[in-house]
């Protein structure tokens, strides 16, 4: 339990000493000079520090599959609150995200989201969710990558749930490849629904991109099944 509260302390310190000044400078530079994306590096640094505070020993494979000049939609299984910072820190690209609207209530998150291309989604409001999907597609068309967790929520036992369609419509609309991403053992380090943290090894596996060419709204289920079938067999549940 001590380590859990330690992660909260570290997160607070990171937000105060890194997040606040970096977000302030980022908004000033964007407003005055139109400069974007300068906060990605300090954000990745902060995420790595926080993951270390949880005792997560990170193992990454598959970055060689990515073209640094290509925008992607990264679709990953979801096990823990460690997953978003894990992807931010270790995908090796400047990557935004789809995020629950509730996160904008956390101090500085709303202000920071605008600088790293995070698109909040209100899943309880269908029209708002559709509009967020369109905004996400627009970010992808601009050349930015986004990460998403198509299950919609964290799993407790590691088993991969069914994927929701929204993120796949977004990739189709933008015409960008989807990269399946496999996360293992974050649920053992920081499980859902608890206040315990247990140091351990965490694996992030980046699989080859899947082109969205040839897929439409009519056969999107086949695309979803293809992506899920790449991820699910690689996820450990023991």
C-alpha atoms as a PDB file:
ATOM      1  CA  UNK A   1       0.000   0.000   0.000  1.00  0.00           C
ATOM      2  CA  UNK A   2       2.900   2.348   0.689  1.00  0.00           C
ATOM      3  CA  UNK A   3       4.049   2.163  -2.928  1.00  0.00           C
ATOM      4  CA  UNK A   4       0.543   3.013  -4.141  1.00  0.00           C
ATOM      5  CA  UNK A   5       0.533   6.235  -2.138  1.00  0.00           C
ATOM      6  CA  UNK A   6       4.099   6.880  -3.243  1.00  0.00           C
ATOM      7  CA  UNK A   7       2.908   6.864  -6.877  1.00  0.00           C
ATOM      8  CA  UNK A   8       0.291   9.488  -5.948  1.00  0.00           C
ATOM      9  CA  UNK A   9       2.954  11.669  -4.330  1.00  0.00           C
ATOM     10  CA  UNK A  10       5.233  11.320  -7.366  1.00  0.00           C
ATOM     11  CA  UNK A  11       2.371  12.158  -9.737  1.00  0.00           C
ATOM     12  CA  UNK A  12       1.578  15.311  -7.744  1.00  0.00           C
ATOM     13  CA  UNK A  13       5.210  16.428  -7.736  1.00  0.00           C
ATOM     14  CA  UNK A  14       5.545  15.789 -11.463  1.00  0.00           C
ATOM     15  CA  UNK A  15       2.414  17.809 -12.212  1.00  0.00           C
ATOM     16  CA  UNK A  16       3.605  20.720 -10.067  1.00  0.00           C
ATOM     17  CA  UNK A  17       7.292  20.871 -11.021  1.00  0.00           C
ATOM     18  CA  UNK A  18       7.093  19.690 -14.659  1.00  0.00           C
ATOM     19  CA  UNK A  19       3.475  19.799 -15.781  1.00  0.00           C
ATOM     20  CA  UNK A  20       2.572  23.315 -14.679  1.00  0.00           C
ATOM     21  CA  UNK A  21       5.593  25.170 -16.147  1.00  0.00           C
ATOM     22  CA  UNK A  22       5.719  23.074 -19.330  1.00  0.00           C
ATOM     23  CA  UNK A  23       1.995  23.480 -20.044  1.00  0.00           C
ATOM     24  CA  UNK A  24       2.194  27.218 -19.376  1.00  0.00           C
ATOM     25  CA  UNK A  25       5.168  27.654 -21.705  1.00  0.00           C
ATOM     26  CA  UNK A  26       3.569  25.364 -24.297  1.00  0.00           C
ATOM     27  CA  UNK A  27       0.409  27.464 -24.507  1.00  0.00           C
ATOM     28  CA  UNK A  28       2.424  30.686 -24.701  1.00  0.00           C
ATOM     29  CA  UNK A  29       4.598  29.402 -27.541  1.00  0.00           C
ATOM     30  CA  UNK A  30       1.585  28.120 -29.450  1.00  0.00           C
ATOM     31  CA  UNK A  31      -0.283  31.394 -29.026  1.00  0.00           C
ATOM     32  CA  UNK A  32       2.656  33.680 -29.859  1.00  0.00           C
ATOM     33  CA  UNK A  33       4.542  31.677 -32.489  1.00  0.00           C
ATOM     34  CA  UNK A  34       2.296  28.786 -33.510  1.00  0.00           C
ATOM     35  CA  UNK A  35       4.828  26.305 -32.139  1.00  0.00           C
ATOM     36  CA  UNK A  36       3.392  22.908 -31.233  1.00  0.00           C
ATOM     37  CA  UNK A  37       4.507  19.572 -29.833  1.00  0.00           C
ATOM     38  CA  UNK A  38       7.264  20.885 -27.567  1.00  0.00           C
ATOM     39  CA  UNK A  39       5.792  19.267 -24.466  1.00  0.00           C
ATOM     40  CA  UNK A  40       5.996  15.683 -25.740  1.00  0.00           C
ATOM     41  CA  UNK A  41       9.557  15.162 -24.518  1.00  0.00           C
ATOM     42  CA  UNK A  42       8.921  16.333 -20.924  1.00  0.00           C
ATOM     43  CA  UNK A  43       5.646  14.383 -20.939  1.00  0.00           C
ATOM     44  CA  UNK A  44       7.473  11.186 -21.884  1.00  0.00           C
ATOM     45  CA  UNK A  45      10.071  11.886 -19.186  1.00  0.00           C
ATOM     46  CA  UNK A  46       7.363  12.384 -16.571  1.00  0.00           C
ATOM     47  CA  UNK A  47       5.600   9.185 -17.618  1.00  0.00           C
ATOM     48  CA  UNK A  48       8.822   7.199 -17.311  1.00  0.00           C
ATOM     49  CA  UNK A  49       9.513   8.594 -13.847  1.00  0.00           C
ATOM     50  CA  UNK A  50       5.988   7.726 -12.725  1.00  0.00           C
ATOM     51  CA  UNK A  51       6.210   4.184 -14.106  1.00  0.00           C
ATOM     52  CA  UNK A  52       9.470   3.712 -12.219  1.00  0.00           C
ATOM     53  CA  UNK A  53       7.824   4.957  -9.038  1.00  0.00           C
ATOM     54  CA  UNK A  54       5.375   2.062  -9.420  1.00  0.00           C
ATOM     55  CA  UNK A  55       8.271  -0.364  -9.748  1.00  0.00           C
ATOM     56  CA  UNK A  56       7.414  -1.249 -13.347  1.00  0.00           C
ATOM     57  CA  UNK A  57      10.371  -2.785 -15.204  1.00  0.00           C
ATOM     58  CA  UNK A  58       9.621  -2.061 -18.860  1.00  0.00           C
ATOM     59  CA  UNK A  59      10.402  -4.386 -21.774  1.00  0.00           C
ATOM     60  CA  UNK A  60       9.637  -3.037 -25.255  1.00  0.00           C
ATOM     61  CA  UNK A  61       9.750  -4.787 -28.633  1.00  0.00           C
ATOM     62  CA  UNK A  62       8.565  -4.052 -32.163  1.00  0.00           C
ATOM     63  CA  UNK A  63       9.384  -0.366 -32.618  1.00  0.00           C
ATOM     64  CA  UNK A  64      11.217  -1.336 -35.802  1.00  0.00           C
ATOM     65  CA  UNK A  65       7.785  -1.880 -37.415  1.00  0.00           C
ATOM     66  CA  UNK A  66       7.012   1.842 -37.290  1.00  0.00           C
ATOM     67  CA  UNK A  67       7.750   4.558 -39.828  1.00  0.00           C
ATOM     68  CA  UNK A  68       8.530   7.775 -37.893  1.00  0.00           C
ATOM     69  CA  UNK A  69       7.015   9.824 -40.731  1.00  0.00           C
ATOM     70  CA  UNK A  70       3.713   7.940 -40.674  1.00  0.00           C
ATOM     71  CA  UNK A  71       0.737   8.633 -38.456  1.00  0.00           C
ATOM     72  CA  UNK A  72      -0.932   5.621 -36.866  1.00  0.00           C
ATOM     73  CA  UNK A  73      -3.843   4.637 -34.725  1.00  0.00           C
ATOM     74  CA  UNK A  74      -2.379   2.477 -31.958  1.00  0.00           C
ATOM     75  CA  UNK A  75      -4.967   0.003 -30.635  1.00  0.00           C
ATOM     76  CA  UNK A  76      -3.996  -1.705 -27.376  1.00  0.00           C
ATOM     77  CA  UNK A  77      -5.542  -4.013 -24.805  1.00  0.00           C
ATOM     78  CA  UNK A  78      -6.224  -2.338 -21.471  1.00  0.00           C
ATOM     79  CA  UNK A  79      -5.234  -3.742 -18.071  1.00  0.00           C
ATOM     80  CA  UNK A  80      -4.231  -0.903 -15.762  1.00  0.00           C
ATOM     81  CA  UNK A  81      -3.860   2.822 -15.179  1.00  0.00           C
ATOM     82  CA  UNK A  82      -0.229   2.231 -16.102  1.00  0.00           C
ATOM     83  CA  UNK A  83      -1.172   1.610 -19.739  1.00  0.00           C
ATOM     84  CA  UNK A  84      -1.608   5.193 -21.069  1.00  0.00           C
ATOM     85  CA  UNK A  85       1.704   6.499 -19.639  1.00  0.00           C
ATOM     86  CA  UNK A  86       3.381   3.284 -20.805  1.00  0.00           C
ATOM     87  CA  UNK A  87       2.339   3.962 -24.387  1.00  0.00           C
ATOM     88  CA  UNK A  88       3.105   7.687 -24.179  1.00  0.00           C
ATOM     89  CA  UNK A  89       6.608   6.968 -22.927  1.00  0.00           C
ATOM     90  CA  UNK A  90       7.661   3.962 -24.976  1.00  0.00           C
ATOM     91  CA  UNK A  91       5.956   3.899 -28.375  1.00  0.00           C
ATOM     92  CA  UNK A  92       8.797   6.036 -29.683  1.00  0.00           C
ATOM     93  CA  UNK A  93       6.525   8.572 -31.397  1.00  0.00           C
ATOM     94  CA  UNK A  94       4.694  11.754 -30.476  1.00  0.00           C
ATOM     95  CA  UNK A  95       1.335  10.165 -29.779  1.00  0.00           C
ATOM     96  CA  UNK A  96      -1.931  11.703 -28.674  1.00  0.00           C
ATOM     97  CA  UNK A  97      -4.865   9.696 -27.376  1.00  0.00           C
ATOM     98  CA  UNK A  98      -8.559   9.190 -26.994  1.00  0.00           C
ATOM     99  CA  UNK A  99      -9.400   9.715 -23.335  1.00  0.00           C
ATOM    100  CA  UNK A 100     -12.419   9.627 -21.050  1.00  0.00           C
ATOM    101  CA  UNK A 101     -13.910  13.083 -20.622  1.00  0.00           C
ATOM    102  CA  UNK A 102     -13.822  12.568 -16.861  1.00  0.00           C
ATOM    103  CA  UNK A 103     -10.041  12.947 -16.944  1.00  0.00           C
ATOM    104  CA  UNK A 104     -10.412  16.624 -17.856  1.00  0.00           C
ATOM    105  CA  UNK A 105     -11.585  17.196 -14.273  1.00  0.00           C
ATOM    106  CA  UNK A 106      -8.084  16.433 -12.996  1.00  0.00           C
ATOM    107  CA  UNK A 107      -6.082  19.673 -12.507  1.00  0.00           C
ATOM    108  CA  UNK A 108      -3.875  20.538 -15.523  1.00  0.00           C
ATOM    109  CA  UNK A 109      -5.053  17.546 -17.569  1.00  0.00           C
ATOM    110  CA  UNK A 110      -7.545  19.575 -19.608  1.00  0.00           C
ATOM    111  CA  UNK A 111      -4.926  22.262 -20.336  1.00  0.00           C
ATOM    112  CA  UNK A 112      -2.274  19.689 -21.186  1.00  0.00           C
ATOM    113  CA  UNK A 113      -4.532  17.559 -23.386  1.00  0.00           C
ATOM    114  CA  UNK A 114      -4.843  20.391 -25.894  1.00  0.00           C
ATOM    115  CA  UNK A 115      -1.070  20.437 -26.377  1.00  0.00           C
ATOM    116  CA  UNK A 116      -0.542  16.709 -26.968  1.00  0.00           C
ATOM    117  CA  UNK A 117      -3.537  16.054 -29.216  1.00  0.00           C
ATOM    118  CA  UNK A 118      -5.619  14.182 -26.654  1.00  0.00           C
ATOM    119  CA  UNK A 119      -9.276  13.992 -27.688  1.00  0.00           C
ATOM    120  CA  UNK A 120     -11.694  13.660 -24.725  1.00  0.00           C
ATOM    121  CA  UNK A 121     -14.729  11.433 -25.315  1.00  0.00           C
ATOM    122  CA  UNK A 122     -18.004  11.513 -23.414  1.00  0.00           C
ATOM    123  CA  UNK A 123     -19.092   7.898 -23.779  1.00  0.00           C
ATOM    124  CA  UNK A 124     -22.461   8.606 -22.156  1.00  0.00           C
ATOM    125  CA  UNK A 125     -23.432  11.062 -24.896  1.00  0.00           C
ATOM    126  CA  UNK A 126     -23.672   9.446 -28.315  1.00  0.00           C
ATOM    127  CA  UNK A 127     -23.656  12.690 -30.328  1.00  0.00           C
ATOM    128  CA  UNK A 128     -20.683  14.016 -28.367  1.00  0.00           C
ATOM    129  CA  UNK A 129     -18.839  10.716 -28.844  1.00  0.00           C
ATOM    130  CA  UNK A 130     -19.430  10.870 -32.611  1.00  0.00           C
ATOM    131  CA  UNK A 131     -18.095  14.437 -32.708  1.00  0.00           C
ATOM    132  CA  UNK A 132     -15.019  13.344 -30.750  1.00  0.00           C
ATOM    133  CA  UNK A 133     -14.471  10.555 -33.268  1.00  0.00           C
ATOM    134  CA  UNK A 134     -14.498  13.136 -36.051  1.00  0.00           C
ATOM    135  CA  UNK A 135     -11.997  15.276 -34.144  1.00  0.00           C
ATOM    136  CA  UNK A 136      -9.774  12.244 -33.702  1.00  0.00           C
ATOM    137  CA  UNK A 137      -9.938  11.499 -37.425  1.00  0.00           C
ATOM    138  CA  UNK A 138      -8.979  15.118 -38.143  1.00  0.00           C
ATOM    139  CA  UNK A 139      -5.894  14.788 -35.909  1.00  0.00           C
ATOM    140  CA  UNK A 140      -4.916  11.598 -37.724  1.00  0.00           C
ATOM    141  CA  UNK A 141      -5.309  13.297 -41.115  1.00  0.00           C
ATOM    142  CA  UNK A 142      -2.980  16.051 -39.899  1.00  0.00           C
ATOM    143  CA  UNK A 143      -0.301  13.392 -39.475  1.00  0.00           C
ATOM    144  CA  UNK A 144      -0.530  12.878 -35.715  1.00  0.00           C
ATOM    145  CA  UNK A 145      -0.718   9.438 -34.163  1.00  0.00           C
ATOM    146  CA  UNK A 146      -3.311   8.550 -31.555  1.00  0.00           C
ATOM    147  CA  UNK A 147      -3.578   5.696 -29.076  1.00  0.00           C
ATOM    148  CA  UNK A 148      -6.840   4.053 -28.089  1.00  0.00           C
ATOM    149  CA  UNK A 149      -8.089   1.184 -25.941  1.00  0.00           C
ATOM    150  CA  UNK A 150     -10.950  -0.362 -27.952  1.00  0.00           C
ATOM    151  CA  UNK A 151     -12.165  -2.460 -25.010  1.00  0.00           C
ATOM    152  CA  UNK A 152     -13.333   0.763 -23.408  1.00  0.00           C
ATOM    153  CA  UNK A 153     -12.352  -0.248 -19.883  1.00  0.00           C
ATOM    154  CA  UNK A 154      -9.648  -2.081 -17.968  1.00  0.00           C
ATOM    155  CA  UNK A 155      -9.771  -5.834 -17.549  1.00  0.00           C
ATOM    156  CA  UNK A 156      -9.312  -7.511 -14.178  1.00  0.00           C
ATOM    157  CA  UNK A 157      -8.260 -10.987 -15.294  1.00  0.00           C
ATOM    158  CA  UNK A 158      -6.283 -10.001 -18.388  1.00  0.00           C
ATOM    159  CA  UNK A 159      -8.774 -11.502 -20.832  1.00  0.00           C
ATOM    160  CA  UNK A 160      -9.324  -9.247 -23.836  1.00  0.00           C
ATOM    161  CA  UNK A 161     -12.899  -7.984 -24.087  1.00  0.00           C
ATOM    162  CA  UNK A 162     -14.779  -7.272 -27.281  1.00  0.00           C
ATOM    163  CA  UNK A 163     -13.617  -4.183 -29.182  1.00  0.00           C
ATOM    164  CA  UNK A 164     -15.876  -1.184 -29.699  1.00  0.00           C
ATOM    165  CA  UNK A 165     -16.264   0.170 -33.228  1.00  0.00           C
ATOM    166  CA  UNK A 166     -15.694   3.895 -32.728  1.00  0.00           C
ATOM    167  CA  UNK A 167     -11.905   3.988 -32.955  1.00  0.00           C
ATOM    168  CA  UNK A 168     -11.966   1.854 -36.091  1.00  0.00           C
ATOM    169  CA  UNK A 169     -14.402   4.192 -37.841  1.00  0.00           C
ATOM    170  CA  UNK A 170     -11.946   6.957 -37.004  1.00  0.00           C
ATOM    171  CA  UNK A 171      -9.043   5.110 -38.637  1.00  0.00           C
ATOM    172  CA  UNK A 172     -11.161   4.383 -41.720  1.00  0.00           C
ATOM    173  CA  UNK A 173     -12.203   8.030 -42.059  1.00  0.00           C
ATOM    174  CA  UNK A 174      -8.588   9.186 -41.784  1.00  0.00           C
ATOM    175  CA  UNK A 175      -7.178   6.387 -43.950  1.00  0.00           C
ATOM    176  CA  UNK A 176      -4.343   5.557 -41.561  1.00  0.00           C
ATOM    177  CA  UNK A 177      -2.914   2.144 -40.603  1.00  0.00           C
ATOM    178  CA  UNK A 178      -3.836   0.556 -37.288  1.00  0.00           C
ATOM    179  CA  UNK A 179      -1.013  -0.758 -35.117  1.00  0.00           C
ATOM    180  CA  UNK A 180      -2.005  -3.566 -32.729  1.00  0.00           C
ATOM    181  CA  UNK A 181      -0.234  -3.168 -29.385  1.00  0.00           C
ATOM    182  CA  UNK A 182       0.009  -5.892 -26.745  1.00  0.00           C
ATOM    183  CA  UNK A 183       0.361  -4.986 -23.064  1.00  0.00           C
ATOM    184  CA  UNK A 184       1.220  -7.663 -20.528  1.00  0.00           C
ATOM    185  CA  UNK A 185       1.330  -7.685 -16.732  1.00  0.00           C
ATOM    186  CA  UNK A 186       0.466  -4.070 -15.944  1.00  0.00           C
ATOM    187  CA  UNK A 187      -2.587  -5.510 -14.146  1.00  0.00           C
ATOM    188  CA  UNK A 188      -0.213  -7.355 -11.826  1.00  0.00           C
ATOM    189  CA  UNK A 189       1.731  -4.195 -10.984  1.00  0.00           C
ATOM    190  CA  UNK A 190      -1.264  -1.871 -10.543  1.00  0.00           C
ATOM    191  CA  UNK A 191      -4.547  -3.829 -10.636  1.00  0.00           C
ATOM    192  CA  UNK A 192      -7.913  -2.296 -11.371  1.00  0.00           C
ATOM    193  CA  UNK A 193     -10.059  -1.417  -8.391  1.00  0.00           C
ATOM    194  CA  UNK A 194      -7.370  -1.612  -5.729  1.00  0.00           C
ATOM    195  CA  UNK A 195      -4.924   0.590  -3.886  1.00  0.00           C
ATOM    196  CA  UNK A 196      -1.962  -1.752  -4.099  1.00  0.00           C
ATOM    197  CA  UNK A 197       1.113  -1.612  -6.299  1.00  0.00           C
ATOM    198  CA  UNK A 198       3.487  -4.546  -6.693  1.00  0.00           C
ATOM    199  CA  UNK A 199       6.770  -3.987  -8.555  1.00  0.00           C
ATOM    200  CA  UNK A 200       7.241  -6.265 -11.530  1.00  0.00           C
ATOM    201  CA  UNK A 201       8.073  -6.741 -15.186  1.00  0.00           C
ATOM    202  CA  UNK A 202       5.820  -5.187 -17.828  1.00  0.00           C
ATOM    203  CA  UNK A 203       5.882  -5.968 -21.538  1.00  0.00           C
ATOM    204  CA  UNK A 204       4.921  -3.707 -24.437  1.00  0.00           C
ATOM    205  CA  UNK A 205       4.852  -5.418 -27.834  1.00  0.00           C
ATOM    206  CA  UNK A 206       4.271  -3.344 -30.977  1.00  0.00           C
ATOM    207  CA  UNK A 207       2.997  -5.463 -33.876  1.00  0.00           C
ATOM    208  CA  UNK A 208       3.219  -4.681 -37.612  1.00  0.00           C
ATOM    209  CA  UNK A 209       0.712  -2.061 -38.847  1.00  0.00           C
ATOM    210  CA  UNK A 210      -2.498  -3.200 -40.506  1.00  0.00           C
ATOM    211  CA  UNK A 211      -3.619  -1.171 -43.512  1.00  0.00           C
ATOM    212  CA  UNK A 212      -7.203   0.057 -43.557  1.00  0.00           C
ATOM    213  CA  UNK A 213      -7.303  -0.035 -47.370  1.00  0.00           C
ATOM    214  CA  UNK A 214     -10.085  -2.240 -48.653  1.00  0.00           C
ATOM    215  CA  UNK A 215     -12.150  -1.848 -45.491  1.00  0.00           C
ATOM    216  CA  UNK A 216     -15.369   0.157 -45.323  1.00  0.00           C
ATOM    217  CA  UNK A 217     -18.217   0.641 -42.880  1.00  0.00           C
ATOM    218  CA  UNK A 218     -19.829  -2.386 -44.494  1.00  0.00           C
ATOM    219  CA  UNK A 219     -17.006  -4.773 -43.544  1.00  0.00           C
ATOM    220  CA  UNK A 220     -15.510  -2.975 -40.555  1.00  0.00           C
ATOM    221  CA  UNK A 221     -16.251  -5.992 -38.367  1.00  0.00           C
ATOM    222  CA  UNK A 222     -13.594  -7.909 -40.301  1.00  0.00           C
ATOM    223  CA  UNK A 223     -11.030  -5.188 -39.553  1.00  0.00           C
ATOM    224  CA  UNK A 224     -11.950  -5.219 -35.865  1.00  0.00           C
ATOM    225  CA  UNK A 225     -11.683  -9.004 -35.737  1.00  0.00           C
ATOM    226  CA  UNK A 226      -8.322  -8.931 -37.507  1.00  0.00           C
ATOM    227  CA  UNK A 227      -6.838  -6.427 -35.039  1.00  0.00           C
ATOM    228  CA  UNK A 228      -8.268  -8.205 -31.998  1.00  0.00           C
ATOM    229  CA  UNK A 229      -7.028 -11.589 -33.246  1.00  0.00           C
ATOM    230  CA  UNK A 230      -3.511 -10.160 -33.426  1.00  0.00           C
ATOM    231  CA  UNK A 231      -3.645  -8.940 -29.826  1.00  0.00           C
ATOM    232  CA  UNK A 232      -5.697 -11.458 -27.834  1.00  0.00           C
ATOM    233  CA  UNK A 233      -3.546 -14.600 -28.290  1.00  0.00           C
ATOM    234  CA  UNK A 234      -0.458 -12.696 -27.097  1.00  0.00           C
ATOM    235  CA  UNK A 235      -2.018 -11.485 -23.838  1.00  0.00           C
ATOM    236  CA  UNK A 236      -1.112 -13.552 -20.796  1.00  0.00           C
ATOM    237  CA  UNK A 237      -3.903 -14.270 -18.337  1.00  0.00           C
ATOM    238  CA  UNK A 238      -2.057 -16.480 -15.832  1.00  0.00           C
END
